[in-house]
Each structure stands twice: as structure tokens, then as C-alpha cells.
C-alpha atoms as a PDB file:
ATOM      1  CA  UNK A   1      99.253 135.255 102.513  1.00  0.00           C
ATOM      2  CA  UNK A   2      99.396 131.679 101.233  1.00  0.00           C
ATOM      3  CA  UNK A   3     102.491 129.788 102.210  1.00  0.00           C
ATOM      4  CA  UNK A   4     104.301 127.570  99.682  1.00  0.00           C
ATOM      5  CA  UNK A   5     103.359 123.918 100.169  1.00  0.00           C
ATOM      6  CA  UNK A   6     105.998 121.275 100.866  1.00  0.00           C
ATOM      7  CA  UNK A   7     105.064 117.618 100.541  1.00  0.00           C
ATOM      8  CA  UNK A   8     107.172 115.588 102.970  1.00  0.00           C
ATOM      9  CA  UNK A   9     107.219 111.849 102.221  1.00  0.00           C
ATOM     10  CA  UNK A  10     108.843 109.693 104.874  1.00  0.00           C
ATOM     11  CA  UNK A  11     107.660 106.861 107.086  1.00  0.00           C
ATOM     12  CA  UNK A  12     109.472 108.184 110.191  1.00  0.00           C
ATOM     13  CA  UNK A  13     107.009 110.086 112.383  1.00  0.00           C
ATOM     14  CA  UNK A  14     109.730 111.821 114.428  1.00  0.00           C
ATOM     15  CA  UNK A  15     111.292 113.241 111.263  1.00  0.00           C
ATOM     16  CA  UNK A  16     107.907 114.711 110.256  1.00  0.00           C
ATOM     17  CA  UNK A  17     107.444 116.311 113.677  1.00  0.00           C
ATOM     18  CA  UNK A  18     110.918 117.870 113.634  1.00  0.00           C
ATOM     19  CA  UNK A  19     110.566 119.086 110.050  1.00  0.00           C
ATOM     20  CA  UNK A  20     107.201 120.715 110.727  1.00  0.00           C
ATOM     21  CA  UNK A  21     108.567 122.364 113.869  1.00  0.00           C
ATOM     22  CA  UNK A  22     111.518 123.805 111.927  1.00  0.00           C
ATOM     23  CA  UNK A  23     109.646 125.074 108.850  1.00  0.00           C
ATOM     24  CA  UNK A  24     105.981 125.657 109.711  1.00  0.00           C
ATOM     25  CA  UNK A  25     106.343 129.433 110.033  1.00  0.00           C
ATOM     26  CA  UNK A  26     107.273 129.912 106.376  1.00  0.00           C
ATOM     27  CA  UNK A  27     105.785 126.824 104.705  1.00  0.00           C
ATOM     28  CA  UNK A  28     102.640 124.761 104.755  1.00  0.00           C
ATOM     29  CA  UNK A  29     103.759 121.164 105.283  1.00  0.00           C
ATOM     30  CA  UNK A  30     101.697 118.235 104.041  1.00  0.00           C
ATOM     31  CA  UNK A  31     102.845 114.854 105.289  1.00  0.00           C
ATOM     32  CA  UNK A  32     102.633 111.507 103.530  1.00  0.00           C
ATOM     33  CA  UNK A  33     103.928 108.321 105.091  1.00  0.00           C
ATOM     34  CA  UNK A  34     103.706 106.003 102.083  1.00  0.00           C
ATOM     35  CA  UNK A  35     103.365 105.938  98.291  1.00  0.00           C
ATOM     36  CA  UNK A  36      99.580 105.739  98.301  1.00  0.00           C
ATOM     37  CA  UNK A  37      99.172 108.915 100.360  1.00  0.00           C
ATOM     38  CA  UNK A  38     101.873 110.747  98.427  1.00  0.00           C
ATOM     39  CA  UNK A  39     100.310 109.975  95.051  1.00  0.00           C
ATOM     40  CA  UNK A  40      96.903 111.174  96.240  1.00  0.00           C
ATOM     41  CA  UNK A  41      98.400 114.466  97.401  1.00  0.00           C
ATOM     42  CA  UNK A  42     100.395 115.018  94.190  1.00  0.00           C
ATOM     43  CA  UNK A  43      97.209 114.421  92.170  1.00  0.00           C
ATOM     44  CA  UNK A  44      95.048 116.770  94.249  1.00  0.00           C
ATOM     45  CA  UNK A  45      97.251 119.595  95.606  1.00  0.00           C
ATOM     46  CA  UNK A  46      99.496 122.278  94.170  1.00  0.00           C
ATOM     47  CA  UNK A  47     102.856 121.455  95.720  1.00  0.00           C
ATOM     48  CA  UNK A  48     105.876 123.779  95.516  1.00  0.00           C
ATOM     49  CA  UNK A  49     108.437 121.184  96.652  1.00  0.00           C
ATOM     50  CA  UNK A  50     108.576 117.447  97.327  1.00  0.00           C
ATOM     51  CA  UNK A  51     110.986 115.991  99.867  1.00  0.00           C
ATOM     52  CA  UNK A  52     111.044 112.198  99.618  1.00  0.00           C
ATOM     53  CA  UNK A  53     112.880 109.485 101.497  1.00  0.00           C
ATOM     54  CA  UNK A  54     114.730 107.308  98.969  1.00  0.00           C
ATOM     55  CA  UNK A  55     114.622 104.358 101.338  1.00  0.00           C
ATOM     56  CA  UNK A  56     110.844 104.527 101.733  1.00  0.00           C
ATOM     57  CA  UNK A  57     109.731 100.945 102.100  1.00  0.00           C
ATOM     58  CA  UNK A  58     107.558  99.181  99.609  1.00  0.00           C
ATOM     59  CA  UNK A  59     103.865  99.095 100.491  1.00  0.00           C
ATOM     60  CA  UNK A  60     101.547  96.557  98.867  1.00  0.00           C
ATOM     61  CA  UNK A  61     104.033  95.965  96.014  1.00  0.00           C
ATOM     62  CA  UNK A  62     103.664  99.560  94.862  1.00  0.00           C
ATOM     63  CA  UNK A  63     107.310 100.546  95.053  1.00  0.00           C
ATOM     64  CA  UNK A  64     110.115 102.266  96.881  1.00  0.00           C
ATOM     65  CA  UNK A  65     110.955 105.939  97.340  1.00  0.00           C
ATOM     66  CA  UNK A  66     112.998 105.884  94.137  1.00  0.00           C
ATOM     67  CA  UNK A  67     110.045 104.521  92.152  1.00  0.00           C
ATOM     68  CA  UNK A  68     107.781 107.119  93.744  1.00  0.00           C
ATOM     69  CA  UNK A  69     110.128 109.923  92.687  1.00  0.00           C
ATOM     70  CA  UNK A  70     110.096 108.563  89.130  1.00  0.00           C
ATOM     71  CA  UNK A  71     106.275 108.514  89.223  1.00  0.00           C
ATOM     72  CA  UNK A  72     106.134 112.122  90.478  1.00  0.00           C
ATOM     73  CA  UNK A  73     108.515 113.208  87.699  1.00  0.00           C
ATOM     74  CA  UNK A  74     106.354 111.454  85.107  1.00  0.00           C
ATOM     75  CA  UNK A  75     103.142 113.037  86.426  1.00  0.00           C
ATOM     76  CA  UNK A  76     104.271 116.514  87.511  1.00  0.00           C
ATOM     77  CA  UNK A  77     107.491 117.569  85.819  1.00  0.00           C
ATOM     78  CA  UNK A  78     107.419 121.102  87.223  1.00  0.00           C
ATOM     79  CA  UNK A  79     107.729 120.319  90.929  1.00  0.00           C
ATOM     80  CA  UNK A  80     111.274 120.183  92.317  1.00  0.00           C
ATOM     81  CA  UNK A  81     112.151 117.074  94.308  1.00  0.00           C
ATOM     82  CA  UNK A  82     114.734 116.654  97.045  1.00  0.00           C
ATOM     83  CA  UNK A  83     115.651 113.046  97.752  1.00  0.00           C
ATOM     84  CA  UNK A  84     116.805 112.243 101.279  1.00  0.00           C
ATOM     85  CA  UNK A  85     117.957 109.095 103.037  1.00  0.00           C
ATOM     86  CA  UNK A  86     119.626 108.098 106.248  1.00  0.00           C
ATOM     87  CA  UNK A  87     121.579 105.353 104.513  1.00  0.00           C
ATOM     88  CA  UNK A  88     122.394 104.056 101.060  1.00  0.00           C
ATOM     89  CA  UNK A  89     124.947 102.102  99.132  1.00  0.00           C
ATOM     90  CA  UNK A  90     127.810 104.029  97.545  1.00  0.00           C
ATOM     91  CA  UNK A  91     126.495 103.372  94.006  1.00  0.00           C
ATOM     92  CA  UNK A  92     123.193 105.091  94.926  1.00  0.00           C
ATOM     93  CA  UNK A  93     124.816 108.434  95.742  1.00  0.00           C
ATOM     94  CA  UNK A  94     123.804 111.253  93.414  1.00  0.00           C
END
């Protein structure tokens, strides 16, 4: 039986380890640590869910987590996205 694939995008290695430990029985977890890796995965894999850190730092002037989420929406409108962050300004709350 194929497990649904979750793409986890966050630059915190410990968060990836804990997430995989918690959900690996029911889901196949693919990790990306930056925008470049995440975009490559979205282009090449069938992903059932994206979990992305909003505060993902900019890499090589490509963009932040928010810009990455916008890019994913523009390129794959069918995949649900959960935005996470450990901190944000009040005006950024959804």
C-alpha cells in the first residue's frame, strides 16, 4: 500500500526528525530544507500535503516561506498547504 506523501519544508533539522518520528507509520515524508529543494520536489513528485515554515529564510535571493507558498499555489493548485511558524508579527496571523 502506498502511503500519502507529505512534503515538509523547514530549515530546522530537529523539527524534521521529530515530525518523521511522529508520522512515518502512516505517511511517506519527504524533507526539503530550502526553496530550491522544495521546488524540485513539487515539480517531480506527487505530493498529498505540503507543510511549510512561513519564516523560512531567504536563500540566494529566491524568497521566503511565504513566497514559496505562493509559488506552490501558482504551480500546483490542488495540493493543500499548511503554513507553520514558531514566531510572527500579529499582522501576519491568518
